[in-house]
Amino acid sequence: MAKRYWLFKSEPTTYSVKDLASKPGQTDCWEGVRNYQARNMLRDDVQKGDEVLFYHSKTKVPGIVGICTVVRSGYPDHVAFDPDSKYFDPKSSPDNPRWFMVDVKLKKKLAEIIPLADLKRMPGLENMAVTQKGSRLSIQPVTPDEWKVIMSRVKGMK
C-alpha cells in the first residue's frame, strides 16, 4: 500500500508536541480518539510508514507544530479499558474493542508554528480539510500535493 499523509489534531493543553518530544525515542501512542469516523481511519487506513502533520487546535494560534511518522498501525486503544482513564469506555473491551490508536514518532518539531491563517492563504491548500469552515475531525487525510506544499514551507523555515 502506498504511503499516505495525515493531519492529527491535539489540544496542546491535553497533549502537545513538547509532550511527544519528551517521550523515550520521541515515540508515543496516539490515544483517546473518540469519534467513529476518526477511529475508522486509525483502525483501517493509517499505516506504519505514513507521514503525519502534528497540529495544535483550540489554542490562541492553531496550526502545524511538528512532523511525525506512524511507527505502528492501528491497534486497540487500551486506555478505553481503564476505568481510571478519562478515555474509559465501559462498552469497549479487549475482546471487543471499540476504539483504536496508532504509534507515532516525532521526526521534526517545527521551530515556528505554521498557523491555520497561513494555511488558508497558501496556494494548493484551498481544499485541505483543516482549512474548511467547520472542520473539526481530529484525524484528517492530507493529499500528496497538499503534503508537498506544506513540506516546501517547512524546508524554508529557519
N, C-alpha and C. Protein backbone atom coordinates (compact mmCIF):
# COMPACT_ATOMS: atom_id res chain seq x y z
N MET A 1 0.85 -1.18 0.00
CA MET A 1 0.00 0.00 0.00
C MET A 1 0.89 1.24 0.00
N ALA A 2 0.53 2.23 -0.77
CA ALA A 2 1.31 3.46 -0.88
C ALA A 2 1.24 4.26 0.42
N LYS A 3 2.31 4.98 0.68
CA LYS A 3 2.34 5.85 1.85
C LYS A 3 1.23 6.88 1.74
N ARG A 4 0.61 7.17 2.89
CA ARG A 4 -0.44 8.19 2.95
C ARG A 4 0.00 9.28 3.91
N TYR A 5 -0.73 10.36 3.87
CA TYR A 5 -0.41 11.53 4.67
C TYR A 5 -1.64 11.93 5.48
N TRP A 6 -1.38 12.45 6.69
CA TRP A 6 -2.45 12.74 7.63
C TRP A 6 -2.16 14.01 8.40
N LEU A 7 -3.21 14.57 8.97
CA LEU A 7 -3.09 15.64 9.94
C LEU A 7 -3.77 15.13 11.21
N PHE A 8 -3.03 15.13 12.31
CA PHE A 8 -3.56 14.72 13.61
C PHE A 8 -3.65 15.96 14.48
N LYS A 9 -4.84 16.24 14.99
CA LYS A 9 -5.06 17.39 15.85
C LYS A 9 -5.00 16.99 17.32
N SER A 10 -4.43 17.88 18.11
CA SER A 10 -4.45 17.71 19.56
C SER A 10 -4.46 19.10 20.20
N GLU A 11 -5.20 19.22 21.27
CA GLU A 11 -5.15 20.45 22.03
C GLU A 11 -3.86 20.43 22.85
N PRO A 12 -3.05 21.48 22.77
CA PRO A 12 -1.76 21.44 23.47
C PRO A 12 -1.90 21.32 24.99
N THR A 13 -3.05 21.69 25.54
CA THR A 13 -3.25 21.51 26.98
C THR A 13 -3.52 20.04 27.33
N THR A 14 -3.90 19.25 26.32
CA THR A 14 -4.13 17.81 26.52
C THR A 14 -2.88 17.01 26.16
N TYR A 15 -2.32 17.28 24.98
CA TYR A 15 -1.10 16.59 24.52
C TYR A 15 -0.45 17.47 23.47
N SER A 16 0.76 17.89 23.74
CA SER A 16 1.45 18.83 22.86
C SER A 16 2.64 18.18 22.17
N VAL A 17 3.17 18.87 21.18
CA VAL A 17 4.38 18.39 20.51
C VAL A 17 5.53 18.31 21.51
N LYS A 18 5.55 19.18 22.51
CA LYS A 18 6.58 19.11 23.56
C LYS A 18 6.43 17.83 24.36
N ASP A 19 5.18 17.40 24.60
CA ASP A 19 4.96 16.13 25.31
C ASP A 19 5.54 14.97 24.51
N LEU A 20 5.28 14.95 23.19
CA LEU A 20 5.81 13.89 22.35
C LEU A 20 7.33 13.94 22.31
N ALA A 21 7.89 15.14 22.22
CA ALA A 21 9.35 15.30 22.17
C ALA A 21 10.02 14.79 23.44
N SER A 22 9.29 14.77 24.56
CA SER A 22 9.86 14.34 25.84
C SER A 22 9.80 12.83 26.06
N LYS A 23 9.11 12.12 25.19
CA LYS A 23 8.95 10.67 25.34
C LYS A 23 10.22 9.94 24.90
N PRO A 24 10.49 8.78 25.49
CA PRO A 24 11.65 7.99 25.04
C PRO A 24 11.56 7.71 23.54
N GLY A 25 12.62 8.02 22.83
CA GLY A 25 12.64 7.82 21.38
C GLY A 25 11.69 8.75 20.65
N GLN A 26 11.16 9.74 21.37
CA GLN A 26 10.18 10.68 20.82
C GLN A 26 9.03 9.93 20.12
N THR A 27 8.64 8.81 20.75
CA THR A 27 7.60 7.94 20.21
C THR A 27 6.53 7.73 21.28
N ASP A 28 5.26 7.74 20.84
CA ASP A 28 4.17 7.53 21.78
C ASP A 28 2.94 7.07 21.02
N CYS A 29 1.96 6.55 21.76
CA CYS A 29 0.70 6.17 21.16
C CYS A 29 -0.18 7.41 21.01
N TRP A 30 -0.99 7.42 19.96
CA TRP A 30 -1.97 8.50 19.74
C TRP A 30 -3.29 7.96 20.23
N GLU A 31 -3.57 8.21 21.50
CA GLU A 31 -4.71 7.61 22.19
C GLU A 31 -5.85 8.59 22.34
N GLY A 32 -6.99 8.07 22.75
CA GLY A 32 -8.10 8.90 23.18
C GLY A 32 -8.99 9.46 22.09
N VAL A 33 -8.82 9.01 20.86
CA VAL A 33 -9.70 9.48 19.78
C VAL A 33 -11.07 8.85 19.99
N ARG A 34 -12.09 9.69 20.13
CA ARG A 34 -13.43 9.19 20.43
C ARG A 34 -14.46 9.74 19.43
N ASN A 35 -14.15 9.57 18.17
CA ASN A 35 -15.04 9.91 17.07
C ASN A 35 -14.98 8.72 16.13
N TYR A 36 -16.13 8.22 15.71
CA TYR A 36 -16.14 6.99 14.92
C TYR A 36 -15.47 7.13 13.56
N GLN A 37 -15.65 8.26 12.89
CA GLN A 37 -15.01 8.45 11.59
C GLN A 37 -13.48 8.46 11.75
N ALA A 38 -12.98 9.19 12.76
CA ALA A 38 -11.54 9.22 13.01
C ALA A 38 -11.05 7.84 13.46
N ARG A 39 -11.85 7.16 14.29
CA ARG A 39 -11.50 5.80 14.73
C ARG A 39 -11.33 4.87 13.55
N ASN A 40 -12.26 4.97 12.58
CA ASN A 40 -12.19 4.10 11.41
C ASN A 40 -10.91 4.33 10.62
N MET A 41 -10.50 5.59 10.51
CA MET A 41 -9.24 5.88 9.81
C MET A 41 -8.06 5.29 10.56
N LEU A 42 -8.04 5.45 11.89
CA LEU A 42 -6.94 4.88 12.68
C LEU A 42 -6.92 3.35 12.57
N ARG A 43 -8.07 2.75 12.58
CA ARG A 43 -8.17 1.29 12.54
C ARG A 43 -7.86 0.73 11.15
N ASP A 44 -8.37 1.39 10.10
CA ASP A 44 -8.36 0.80 8.77
C ASP A 44 -7.38 1.43 7.77
N ASP A 45 -7.07 2.70 7.94
CA ASP A 45 -6.35 3.43 6.89
C ASP A 45 -4.94 3.88 7.26
N VAL A 46 -4.74 4.36 8.47
CA VAL A 46 -3.42 4.86 8.88
C VAL A 46 -2.49 3.66 9.05
N GLN A 47 -1.37 3.69 8.33
CA GLN A 47 -0.46 2.54 8.33
C GLN A 47 0.97 2.95 8.72
N LYS A 48 1.71 1.97 9.21
CA LYS A 48 3.13 2.18 9.52
C LYS A 48 3.81 2.76 8.28
N GLY A 49 4.60 3.82 8.50
CA GLY A 49 5.31 4.48 7.40
C GLY A 49 4.60 5.72 6.89
N ASP A 50 3.31 5.88 7.21
CA ASP A 50 2.59 7.09 6.81
C ASP A 50 3.18 8.29 7.54
N GLU A 51 3.02 9.46 6.93
CA GLU A 51 3.54 10.70 7.50
C GLU A 51 2.39 11.51 8.08
N VAL A 52 2.70 12.27 9.15
CA VAL A 52 1.67 12.98 9.90
C VAL A 52 2.09 14.42 10.18
N LEU A 53 1.16 15.33 9.98
CA LEU A 53 1.31 16.71 10.43
C LEU A 53 0.72 16.78 11.83
N PHE A 54 1.51 17.17 12.82
CA PHE A 54 1.03 17.33 14.19
C PHE A 54 0.50 18.75 14.29
N TYR A 55 -0.77 18.87 14.64
CA TYR A 55 -1.49 20.15 14.61
C TYR A 55 -2.03 20.47 15.99
N HIS A 56 -1.73 21.66 16.50
CA HIS A 56 -2.33 22.12 17.76
C HIS A 56 -3.63 22.85 17.46
N SER A 57 -4.70 22.42 18.09
CA SER A 57 -6.02 23.05 17.93
C SER A 57 -6.45 23.69 19.25
N LYS A 58 -7.53 24.44 19.18
CA LYS A 58 -8.10 25.09 20.37
C LYS A 58 -7.04 25.81 21.19
N THR A 59 -6.28 26.63 20.50
CA THR A 59 -5.25 27.44 21.12
C THR A 59 -5.26 28.81 20.45
N LYS A 60 -4.57 29.77 21.04
CA LYS A 60 -4.60 31.14 20.50
C LYS A 60 -4.22 31.17 19.03
N VAL A 61 -3.17 30.42 18.67
CA VAL A 61 -2.74 30.34 17.27
C VAL A 61 -2.71 28.87 16.88
N PRO A 62 -3.81 28.34 16.34
CA PRO A 62 -3.81 26.94 15.91
C PRO A 62 -2.93 26.77 14.68
N GLY A 63 -2.31 25.59 14.55
CA GLY A 63 -1.51 25.34 13.37
C GLY A 63 -0.62 24.12 13.51
N ILE A 64 0.18 23.89 12.48
CA ILE A 64 1.09 22.74 12.41
C ILE A 64 2.33 23.03 13.24
N VAL A 65 2.66 22.09 14.13
CA VAL A 65 3.79 22.28 15.05
C VAL A 65 4.86 21.20 14.91
N GLY A 66 4.57 20.15 14.14
CA GLY A 66 5.55 19.08 14.02
C GLY A 66 5.23 18.13 12.89
N ILE A 67 6.21 17.31 12.57
CA ILE A 67 6.09 16.27 11.54
C ILE A 67 6.41 14.94 12.21
N CYS A 68 5.53 13.96 12.00
CA CYS A 68 5.70 12.65 12.62
C CYS A 68 5.61 11.55 11.56
N THR A 69 6.03 10.36 11.96
CA THR A 69 5.88 9.15 11.16
C THR A 69 5.11 8.13 11.99
N VAL A 70 4.19 7.43 11.36
CA VAL A 70 3.48 6.35 12.03
C VAL A 70 4.44 5.16 12.13
N VAL A 71 4.66 4.67 13.34
CA VAL A 71 5.59 3.56 13.54
C VAL A 71 4.87 2.27 13.95
N ARG A 72 3.57 2.37 14.20
CA ARG A 72 2.75 1.17 14.47
C ARG A 72 1.34 1.46 13.98
N SER A 73 0.84 0.58 13.13
CA SER A 73 -0.51 0.72 12.58
C SER A 73 -1.55 0.49 13.68
N GLY A 74 -2.82 0.73 13.34
CA GLY A 74 -3.91 0.69 14.29
C GLY A 74 -4.00 -0.57 15.13
N TYR A 75 -4.23 -0.37 16.42
CA TYR A 75 -4.43 -1.47 17.38
C TYR A 75 -5.38 -0.95 18.47
N PRO A 76 -5.99 -1.86 19.24
CA PRO A 76 -6.98 -1.42 20.23
C PRO A 76 -6.42 -0.39 21.20
N ASP A 77 -7.21 0.65 21.44
CA ASP A 77 -6.85 1.71 22.38
C ASP A 77 -7.10 1.18 23.80
N HIS A 78 -6.03 0.72 24.44
CA HIS A 78 -6.13 0.07 25.74
C HIS A 78 -6.57 1.01 26.85
N VAL A 79 -6.41 2.32 26.69
CA VAL A 79 -6.87 3.23 27.75
C VAL A 79 -8.39 3.22 27.87
N ALA A 80 -9.08 2.78 26.82
CA ALA A 80 -10.54 2.67 26.88
C ALA A 80 -10.98 1.59 27.87
N PHE A 81 -10.07 0.67 28.22
CA PHE A 81 -10.39 -0.41 29.15
C PHE A 81 -10.12 -0.02 30.60
N ASP A 82 -9.46 1.11 30.83
CA ASP A 82 -9.02 1.52 32.16
C ASP A 82 -10.05 2.45 32.81
N PRO A 83 -10.74 1.98 33.85
CA PRO A 83 -11.78 2.80 34.48
C PRO A 83 -11.24 4.10 35.09
N ASP A 84 -9.93 4.18 35.30
CA ASP A 84 -9.34 5.41 35.86
C ASP A 84 -8.94 6.41 34.78
N SER A 85 -9.05 6.02 33.52
CA SER A 85 -8.66 6.90 32.42
C SER A 85 -9.81 7.83 32.03
N LYS A 86 -9.49 9.04 31.65
CA LYS A 86 -10.53 9.95 31.16
C LYS A 86 -11.10 9.46 29.83
N TYR A 87 -10.42 8.52 29.18
CA TYR A 87 -10.88 7.96 27.91
C TYR A 87 -11.57 6.60 28.09
N PHE A 88 -11.88 6.23 29.32
CA PHE A 88 -12.54 4.96 29.60
C PHE A 88 -13.88 4.87 28.88
N ASP A 89 -14.14 3.70 28.31
CA ASP A 89 -15.43 3.42 27.68
C ASP A 89 -15.88 2.04 28.16
N PRO A 90 -16.91 1.98 29.01
CA PRO A 90 -17.34 0.69 29.55
C PRO A 90 -17.85 -0.27 28.48
N LYS A 91 -18.17 0.23 27.29
CA LYS A 91 -18.64 -0.64 26.22
C LYS A 91 -17.50 -1.20 25.38
N SER A 92 -16.28 -0.82 25.69
CA SER A 92 -15.11 -1.31 24.97
C SER A 92 -14.38 -2.32 25.85
N SER A 93 -13.93 -3.41 25.23
CA SER A 93 -13.21 -4.44 25.98
C SER A 93 -12.11 -5.02 25.10
N PRO A 94 -11.14 -5.70 25.71
CA PRO A 94 -10.09 -6.33 24.89
C PRO A 94 -10.66 -7.32 23.86
N ASP A 95 -11.76 -8.00 24.21
CA ASP A 95 -12.36 -8.95 23.28
C ASP A 95 -13.19 -8.27 22.20
N ASN A 96 -13.66 -7.07 22.48
CA ASN A 96 -14.48 -6.33 21.53
C ASN A 96 -14.14 -4.84 21.62
N PRO A 97 -12.93 -4.47 21.13
CA PRO A 97 -12.50 -3.08 21.25
C PRO A 97 -13.35 -2.15 20.39
N ARG A 98 -13.69 -1.01 20.95
CA ARG A 98 -14.47 -0.01 20.23
C ARG A 98 -13.55 1.06 19.63
N TRP A 99 -12.41 1.31 20.28
CA TRP A 99 -11.52 2.41 19.89
C TRP A 99 -10.13 1.89 19.53
N PHE A 100 -9.46 2.63 18.64
CA PHE A 100 -8.15 2.23 18.16
C PHE A 100 -7.18 3.41 18.22
N MET A 101 -5.89 3.08 18.20
CA MET A 101 -4.85 4.09 18.20
C MET A 101 -3.69 3.62 17.33
N VAL A 102 -2.77 4.52 17.07
CA VAL A 102 -1.53 4.20 16.36
C VAL A 102 -0.39 4.77 17.20
N ASP A 103 0.83 4.36 16.88
CA ASP A 103 2.01 4.95 17.50
C ASP A 103 2.68 5.86 16.49
N VAL A 104 3.13 7.00 16.97
CA VAL A 104 3.83 7.96 16.11
C VAL A 104 5.19 8.30 16.71
N LYS A 105 6.10 8.65 15.82
CA LYS A 105 7.45 9.10 16.21
C LYS A 105 7.65 10.50 15.65
N LEU A 106 8.10 11.40 16.50
CA LEU A 106 8.37 12.77 16.09
C LEU A 106 9.61 12.80 15.20
N LYS A 107 9.45 13.31 14.00
CA LYS A 107 10.59 13.50 13.09
C LYS A 107 11.18 14.89 13.23
N LYS A 108 10.28 15.88 13.42
CA LYS A 108 10.73 17.26 13.47
C LYS A 108 9.73 18.09 14.25
N LYS A 109 10.23 18.78 15.27
CA LYS A 109 9.44 19.79 15.97
C LYS A 109 9.75 21.10 15.26
N LEU A 110 8.73 21.74 14.72
CA LEU A 110 8.97 22.95 13.95
C LEU A 110 9.47 24.08 14.85
N ALA A 111 10.41 24.85 14.33
CA ALA A 111 10.95 25.99 15.08
C ALA A 111 9.88 27.05 15.27
N GLU A 112 8.98 27.13 14.31
CA GLU A 112 7.85 28.06 14.42
C GLU A 112 6.62 27.39 13.85
N ILE A 113 5.51 27.70 14.43
CA ILE A 113 4.23 27.14 14.01
C ILE A 113 3.89 27.60 12.58
N ILE A 114 3.21 26.75 11.84
CA ILE A 114 2.59 27.18 10.58
C ILE A 114 1.12 27.41 10.92
N PRO A 115 0.73 28.67 11.11
CA PRO A 115 -0.62 28.96 11.58
C PRO A 115 -1.70 28.58 10.57
N LEU A 116 -2.86 28.26 11.10
CA LEU A 116 -4.02 27.96 10.26
C LEU A 116 -4.28 29.12 9.30
N ALA A 117 -4.14 30.34 9.77
CA ALA A 117 -4.37 31.51 8.91
C ALA A 117 -3.47 31.47 7.68
N ASP A 118 -2.22 31.04 7.85
CA ASP A 118 -1.29 30.91 6.71
C ASP A 118 -1.71 29.77 5.79
N LEU A 119 -2.12 28.65 6.39
CA LEU A 119 -2.55 27.50 5.59
C LEU A 119 -3.71 27.91 4.67
N LYS A 120 -4.62 28.71 5.20
CA LYS A 120 -5.79 29.13 4.42
C LYS A 120 -5.41 30.01 3.24
N ARG A 121 -4.24 30.66 3.31
CA ARG A 121 -3.80 31.55 2.23
C ARG A 121 -2.83 30.88 1.26
N MET A 122 -2.36 29.69 1.57
CA MET A 122 -1.34 29.04 0.74
C MET A 122 -1.96 28.41 -0.50
N PRO A 123 -1.48 28.80 -1.69
CA PRO A 123 -1.97 28.18 -2.93
C PRO A 123 -1.77 26.66 -2.87
N GLY A 124 -2.79 25.93 -3.27
CA GLY A 124 -2.74 24.47 -3.26
C GLY A 124 -3.40 23.85 -2.05
N LEU A 125 -3.74 24.67 -1.05
CA LEU A 125 -4.38 24.13 0.15
C LEU A 125 -5.84 24.55 0.28
N GLU A 126 -6.39 25.09 -0.78
CA GLU A 126 -7.77 25.58 -0.75
C GLU A 126 -8.78 24.52 -0.35
N ASN A 127 -8.52 23.28 -0.69
CA ASN A 127 -9.47 22.19 -0.39
C ASN A 127 -9.02 21.31 0.76
N MET A 128 -7.91 21.66 1.40
CA MET A 128 -7.41 20.87 2.53
C MET A 128 -8.46 20.88 3.65
N ALA A 129 -8.71 19.72 4.23
CA ALA A 129 -9.79 19.58 5.22
C ALA A 129 -9.66 20.60 6.35
N VAL A 130 -8.47 20.78 6.89
CA VAL A 130 -8.31 21.66 8.04
C VAL A 130 -8.62 23.12 7.71
N THR A 131 -8.55 23.51 6.45
CA THR A 131 -8.82 24.90 6.08
C THR A 131 -10.30 25.16 5.84
N GLN A 132 -11.10 24.13 5.89
CA GLN A 132 -12.54 24.28 5.62
C GLN A 132 -13.29 24.69 6.88
N LYS A 133 -14.24 25.55 6.72
CA LYS A 133 -15.07 26.01 7.84
C LYS A 133 -15.80 24.80 8.44
N GLY A 134 -15.77 24.72 9.76
CA GLY A 134 -16.46 23.64 10.46
C GLY A 134 -15.70 22.33 10.49
N SER A 135 -14.45 22.31 10.03
CA SER A 135 -13.65 21.09 10.03
C SER A 135 -13.16 20.81 11.44
N ARG A 136 -13.71 19.79 12.08
CA ARG A 136 -13.39 19.51 13.48
C ARG A 136 -12.78 18.13 13.68
N LEU A 137 -12.72 17.32 12.66
CA LEU A 137 -12.25 15.94 12.81
C LEU A 137 -10.78 15.92 13.27
N SER A 138 -10.47 15.10 14.25
CA SER A 138 -9.13 15.07 14.83
C SER A 138 -8.11 14.32 13.99
N ILE A 139 -8.57 13.47 13.09
CA ILE A 139 -7.69 12.76 12.15
C ILE A 139 -8.21 13.09 10.76
N GLN A 140 -7.34 13.67 9.93
CA GLN A 140 -7.78 14.10 8.60
C GLN A 140 -6.77 13.64 7.55
N PRO A 141 -7.26 13.15 6.42
CA PRO A 141 -6.33 12.82 5.34
C PRO A 141 -5.76 14.10 4.72
N VAL A 142 -4.53 13.99 4.24
CA VAL A 142 -3.84 15.07 3.53
C VAL A 142 -3.42 14.49 2.19
N THR A 143 -3.69 15.19 1.10
CA THR A 143 -3.30 14.67 -0.21
C THR A 143 -1.79 14.80 -0.40
N PRO A 144 -1.22 14.00 -1.30
CA PRO A 144 0.22 14.14 -1.58
C PRO A 144 0.58 15.56 -2.05
N ASP A 145 -0.28 16.19 -2.83
CA ASP A 145 0.00 17.56 -3.28
C ASP A 145 -0.03 18.55 -2.12
N GLU A 146 -0.99 18.39 -1.20
CA GLU A 146 -1.04 19.26 -0.02
C GLU A 146 0.21 19.05 0.84
N TRP A 147 0.62 17.80 0.98
CA TRP A 147 1.83 17.48 1.76
C TRP A 147 3.04 18.21 1.15
N LYS A 148 3.17 18.17 -0.16
CA LYS A 148 4.31 18.83 -0.83
C LYS A 148 4.30 20.33 -0.57
N VAL A 149 3.13 20.95 -0.64
CA VAL A 149 3.02 22.39 -0.39
C VAL A 149 3.51 22.70 1.03
N ILE A 150 3.06 21.93 1.99
CA ILE A 150 3.44 22.18 3.38
C ILE A 150 4.92 21.88 3.60
N MET A 151 5.43 20.80 3.01
CA MET A 151 6.85 20.49 3.18
C MET A 151 7.74 21.56 2.56
N SER A 152 7.28 22.21 1.50
CA SER A 152 8.08 23.30 0.91
C SER A 152 8.16 24.46 1.91
N ARG A 153 7.12 24.68 2.65
CA ARG A 153 7.13 25.71 3.70
C ARG A 153 8.03 25.29 4.85
N VAL A 154 7.97 24.02 5.26
CA VAL A 154 8.81 23.52 6.35
C VAL A 154 10.28 23.66 5.98
N LYS A 155 10.64 23.27 4.76
CA LYS A 155 12.04 23.34 4.33
C LYS A 155 12.53 24.79 4.28
N GLY A 156 11.64 25.74 4.06
CA GLY A 156 12.01 27.14 4.00
C GLY A 156 12.12 27.81 5.37
N MET A 157 11.77 27.07 6.43
CA MET A 157 11.84 27.64 7.79
C MET A 157 13.26 27.61 8.31
N LYS A 158 13.55 28.51 9.20
CA LYS A 158 14.88 28.55 9.84
C LYS A 158 15.02 27.43 10.81
